[in-house]
N, C-alpha and C. Protein backbone atom coordinates (compact mmCIF):
# COMPACT_ATOMS: atom_id res chain seq x y z
N MET A 1 5.87 -123.33 95.74
CA MET A 1 5.57 -122.23 95.68
C MET A 1 5.69 -121.52 94.23
N GLY A 2 4.65 -121.17 93.50
CA GLY A 2 4.96 -120.58 92.20
C GLY A 2 5.11 -118.99 92.06
N ILE A 3 4.80 -118.69 91.00
CA ILE A 3 5.00 -117.33 90.66
C ILE A 3 3.51 -116.62 90.47
N ASP A 4 3.27 -115.63 91.45
CA ASP A 4 2.07 -114.82 91.52
C ASP A 4 2.14 -113.71 90.79
N VAL A 5 1.40 -113.23 90.06
CA VAL A 5 1.41 -111.89 89.17
C VAL A 5 0.25 -110.93 89.61
N TYR A 6 0.46 -110.13 90.25
CA TYR A 6 -0.75 -109.11 90.49
C TYR A 6 -0.68 -107.89 89.60
N GLY A 7 -2.09 -107.83 88.76
CA GLY A 7 -2.19 -107.07 87.78
C GLY A 7 -3.51 -106.72 87.31
N ALA A 8 -3.92 -106.10 86.26
CA ALA A 8 -5.05 -105.79 85.97
C ALA A 8 -4.95 -105.75 84.24
N ASP A 9 -6.08 -106.30 83.87
CA ASP A 9 -6.10 -106.45 82.29
C ASP A 9 -6.01 -105.25 81.47
N TRP A 10 -6.12 -103.97 82.10
CA TRP A 10 -6.05 -102.73 81.13
C TRP A 10 -4.59 -102.37 81.40
N CYS A 11 -3.76 -102.95 82.04
CA CYS A 11 -2.27 -102.46 82.25
C CYS A 11 -1.29 -102.98 81.36
N GLY A 12 -0.83 -102.25 80.66
CA GLY A 12 0.20 -102.67 79.40
C GLY A 12 1.26 -103.38 80.06
N ASP A 13 2.04 -102.94 81.19
CA ASP A 13 3.27 -103.50 81.67
C ASP A 13 2.62 -104.97 82.30
N CYS A 14 1.57 -105.08 82.69
CA CYS A 14 1.03 -106.55 83.24
C CYS A 14 1.05 -107.40 81.90
N THR A 15 0.17 -107.11 80.82
CA THR A 15 0.32 -107.74 79.56
C THR A 15 1.62 -108.15 79.07
N ARG A 16 2.58 -107.02 79.08
CA ARG A 16 3.88 -107.30 78.63
C ARG A 16 4.51 -108.57 79.65
N ALA A 17 4.59 -108.45 80.70
CA ALA A 17 5.00 -109.29 81.86
C ALA A 17 4.53 -110.72 81.54
N LYS A 18 3.10 -110.58 81.18
CA LYS A 18 2.48 -112.08 81.12
C LYS A 18 3.14 -112.63 79.71
N MET A 19 3.16 -111.66 78.80
CA MET A 19 3.51 -112.27 77.54
C MET A 19 4.94 -112.93 77.76
N LEU A 20 5.93 -112.28 78.33
CA LEU A 20 7.27 -112.82 78.62
C LEU A 20 7.31 -113.87 79.13
N LEU A 21 6.43 -114.00 80.19
CA LEU A 21 6.56 -115.63 80.89
C LEU A 21 5.79 -116.68 80.26
N ASP A 22 4.99 -116.18 79.48
CA ASP A 22 4.32 -117.22 78.34
C ASP A 22 5.19 -117.83 77.38
N ARG A 23 6.00 -116.80 76.94
CA ARG A 23 7.12 -116.93 75.94
C ARG A 23 8.11 -117.82 76.34
N HIS A 24 8.37 -117.89 77.67
CA HIS A 24 9.48 -118.67 78.36
C HIS A 24 8.80 -119.93 78.87
N GLY A 25 7.51 -120.23 78.75
CA GLY A 25 6.74 -121.51 79.23
C GLY A 25 6.89 -121.57 80.59
N VAL A 26 6.75 -120.45 81.31
CA VAL A 26 6.76 -120.32 82.83
C VAL A 26 5.35 -120.17 83.21
N THR A 27 4.98 -121.00 84.02
CA THR A 27 3.40 -120.99 84.51
C THR A 27 3.51 -119.95 85.58
N TYR A 28 2.36 -119.24 85.94
CA TYR A 28 2.10 -118.37 86.99
C TYR A 28 0.67 -118.36 87.29
N ASN A 29 0.53 -117.84 88.55
CA ASN A 29 -1.00 -117.43 88.99
C ASN A 29 -1.29 -116.09 88.63
N TRP A 30 -2.38 -115.74 87.71
CA TRP A 30 -2.69 -114.37 87.65
C TRP A 30 -3.80 -114.00 88.82
N ILE A 31 -3.38 -112.94 89.35
CA ILE A 31 -4.31 -112.46 90.20
C ILE A 31 -4.91 -110.96 89.91
N ASP A 32 -6.13 -110.87 89.55
CA ASP A 32 -6.58 -109.58 89.24
C ASP A 32 -6.97 -108.64 90.02
N THR A 33 -5.97 -107.62 90.29
CA THR A 33 -6.30 -106.48 91.15
C THR A 33 -7.67 -105.71 91.28
N ASP A 34 -8.06 -105.65 89.81
CA ASP A 34 -9.42 -105.03 89.65
C ASP A 34 -10.49 -105.88 90.25
N ALA A 35 -10.50 -107.18 89.89
CA ALA A 35 -11.77 -107.92 90.65
C ALA A 35 -11.80 -108.04 91.87
N ASP A 36 -10.55 -108.16 92.60
CA ASP A 36 -10.40 -108.61 93.97
C ASP A 36 -9.87 -107.28 94.74
N GLU A 37 -10.49 -106.63 95.49
CA GLU A 37 -9.92 -105.70 96.26
C GLU A 37 -8.82 -105.97 97.46
N ASP A 38 -9.30 -107.45 97.88
CA ASP A 38 -7.98 -107.85 98.92
C ASP A 38 -6.94 -108.09 98.05
N ALA A 39 -6.91 -108.51 96.94
CA ALA A 39 -5.59 -108.58 95.93
C ALA A 39 -4.97 -107.31 95.54
N ARG A 40 -5.71 -106.41 95.41
CA ARG A 40 -5.25 -105.07 95.41
C ARG A 40 -4.33 -104.63 96.39
N ALA A 41 -4.97 -104.71 97.52
CA ALA A 41 -4.34 -104.27 98.97
C ALA A 41 -3.18 -105.14 99.38
N LYS A 42 -3.03 -106.50 98.83
CA LYS A 42 -2.02 -107.54 99.05
C LYS A 42 -0.78 -106.92 98.24
N ALA A 43 -1.23 -106.75 96.95
CA ALA A 43 -0.21 -106.08 96.07
C ALA A 43 0.72 -104.89 96.59
N ILE A 44 0.02 -103.99 97.24
CA ILE A 44 0.28 -102.93 97.84
C ILE A 44 1.16 -103.25 98.80
N ASP A 45 0.68 -104.13 99.64
CA ASP A 45 1.36 -104.33 101.10
C ASP A 45 2.71 -105.02 100.95
N ILE A 46 2.65 -106.13 99.69
CA ILE A 46 3.95 -106.67 99.37
C ILE A 46 5.02 -105.67 98.66
N SER A 47 4.57 -104.80 97.97
CA SER A 47 5.64 -103.83 97.32
C SER A 47 5.72 -102.64 97.80
N GLY A 48 4.90 -102.23 98.57
CA GLY A 48 4.90 -100.91 99.24
C GLY A 48 4.63 -99.50 98.38
N LEU A 49 3.99 -100.15 97.10
CA LEU A 49 4.06 -98.93 96.04
C LEU A 49 2.56 -99.44 95.39
N GLN A 50 1.79 -98.39 94.63
CA GLN A 50 0.62 -98.46 94.20
C GLN A 50 0.98 -98.81 92.66
N LYS A 51 1.99 -99.70 92.34
CA LYS A 51 2.29 -99.92 90.95
C LYS A 51 2.08 -101.49 90.75
N ILE A 52 1.73 -101.55 89.40
CA ILE A 52 1.49 -103.05 88.88
C ILE A 52 2.22 -103.01 87.74
N PRO A 53 2.71 -104.34 87.31
CA PRO A 53 2.50 -105.52 88.01
C PRO A 53 3.48 -105.70 89.27
N VAL A 54 2.82 -106.48 90.18
CA VAL A 54 3.86 -106.97 91.42
C VAL A 54 4.07 -108.44 91.07
N ILE A 55 5.23 -108.95 90.78
CA ILE A 55 5.63 -110.39 90.61
C ILE A 55 6.27 -110.71 91.68
N VAL A 56 5.84 -111.80 92.11
CA VAL A 56 6.21 -112.46 93.48
C VAL A 56 6.77 -113.87 92.94
N PHE A 57 8.07 -113.99 93.07
CA PHE A 57 8.99 -115.31 92.50
C PHE A 57 9.03 -116.55 93.84
N PRO A 58 9.33 -117.63 93.52
CA PRO A 58 9.15 -118.96 94.50
C PRO A 58 10.27 -118.46 95.40
N ASN A 59 11.34 -117.73 95.32
CA ASN A 59 12.45 -117.49 96.47
C ASN A 59 11.79 -116.52 97.50
N GLY A 60 10.63 -115.92 97.13
CA GLY A 60 10.10 -114.91 98.13
C GLY A 60 10.19 -113.38 97.62
N GLU A 61 11.30 -113.33 96.71
CA GLU A 61 11.54 -111.84 96.09
C GLU A 61 10.44 -111.48 95.34
N PHE A 62 10.35 -110.39 95.26
CA PHE A 62 9.28 -109.55 94.38
C PHE A 62 9.86 -108.45 93.31
N LEU A 63 9.20 -108.07 92.31
CA LEU A 63 9.34 -106.96 91.40
C LEU A 63 8.11 -106.16 91.19
N SER A 64 8.44 -104.88 91.02
CA SER A 64 6.99 -104.02 91.01
C SER A 64 7.22 -103.26 89.87
N GLU A 65 6.38 -103.55 88.87
CA GLU A 65 6.42 -102.73 87.55
C GLU A 65 8.02 -102.74 86.76
N PRO A 66 8.36 -104.53 86.51
CA PRO A 66 9.84 -104.30 86.30
C PRO A 66 9.82 -104.40 84.62
N SER A 67 11.01 -104.26 84.09
CA SER A 67 11.46 -104.47 82.89
C SER A 67 11.60 -105.69 82.49
N ASN A 68 11.58 -106.16 81.16
CA ASN A 68 11.63 -107.56 80.66
C ASN A 68 13.11 -107.97 81.35
N PRO A 69 14.20 -107.50 81.05
CA PRO A 69 15.49 -107.93 81.66
C PRO A 69 15.60 -108.21 83.27
N GLN A 70 14.53 -107.34 84.03
CA GLN A 70 14.46 -107.67 85.46
C GLN A 70 13.89 -109.01 85.73
N ILE A 71 12.83 -109.06 84.98
CA ILE A 71 11.98 -110.41 85.19
C ILE A 71 12.92 -111.45 84.68
N GLU A 72 13.46 -111.57 83.57
CA GLU A 72 14.28 -112.62 83.16
C GLU A 72 15.41 -112.99 83.92
N GLU A 73 15.92 -111.91 84.91
CA GLU A 73 17.18 -112.12 85.91
C GLU A 73 16.64 -113.01 86.67
N GLN A 74 15.17 -112.58 87.39
CA GLN A 74 14.66 -113.33 88.47
C GLN A 74 14.26 -114.74 88.00
N LEU A 75 13.93 -114.85 86.86
CA LEU A 75 13.72 -116.33 86.28
C LEU A 75 15.02 -117.34 86.38
N LYS A 76 15.86 -116.62 85.84
CA LYS A 76 17.13 -117.28 86.04
C LYS A 76 17.55 -117.67 87.71
N THR A 77 17.27 -116.55 88.25
CA THR A 77 17.89 -116.59 89.90
C THR A 77 17.17 -117.76 90.43
N ASN A 78 15.59 -117.86 90.10
CA ASN A 78 15.08 -118.98 90.67
C ASN A 78 15.02 -120.42 89.98
N GLY A 79 15.78 -120.37 88.90
CA GLY A 79 16.07 -121.66 88.12
C GLY A 79 14.87 -121.95 87.11
N LEU A 80 14.27 -121.04 86.56
CA LEU A 80 13.02 -121.23 86.07
C LEU A 80 13.18 -121.38 84.29
N VAL A 81 14.50 -120.50 84.01
CA VAL A 81 15.04 -120.39 82.84
C VAL A 81 16.43 -120.80 82.64
N GLN A 82 17.03 -121.04 81.81
CA GLN A 82 18.46 -121.04 81.57
C GLN A 82 19.06 -119.77 81.19
């Protein structure tokens, strides 16, 4: 299981999160919540919030609208970065 990132192209926090993952060389599955109504509903179902990005990690934990330090902590927890 990899990382799923639910978000939209217009979302600045989504762009920032993707840039952080790219900088660390971490692969992820981008799921566009604007292009797919079911994806939007699933992101809300996962987090219980109408906020993006929603990032789901291999260990099953998720973050909603996270800061860079929160993302990096989860990457370390999941053994994806040092």
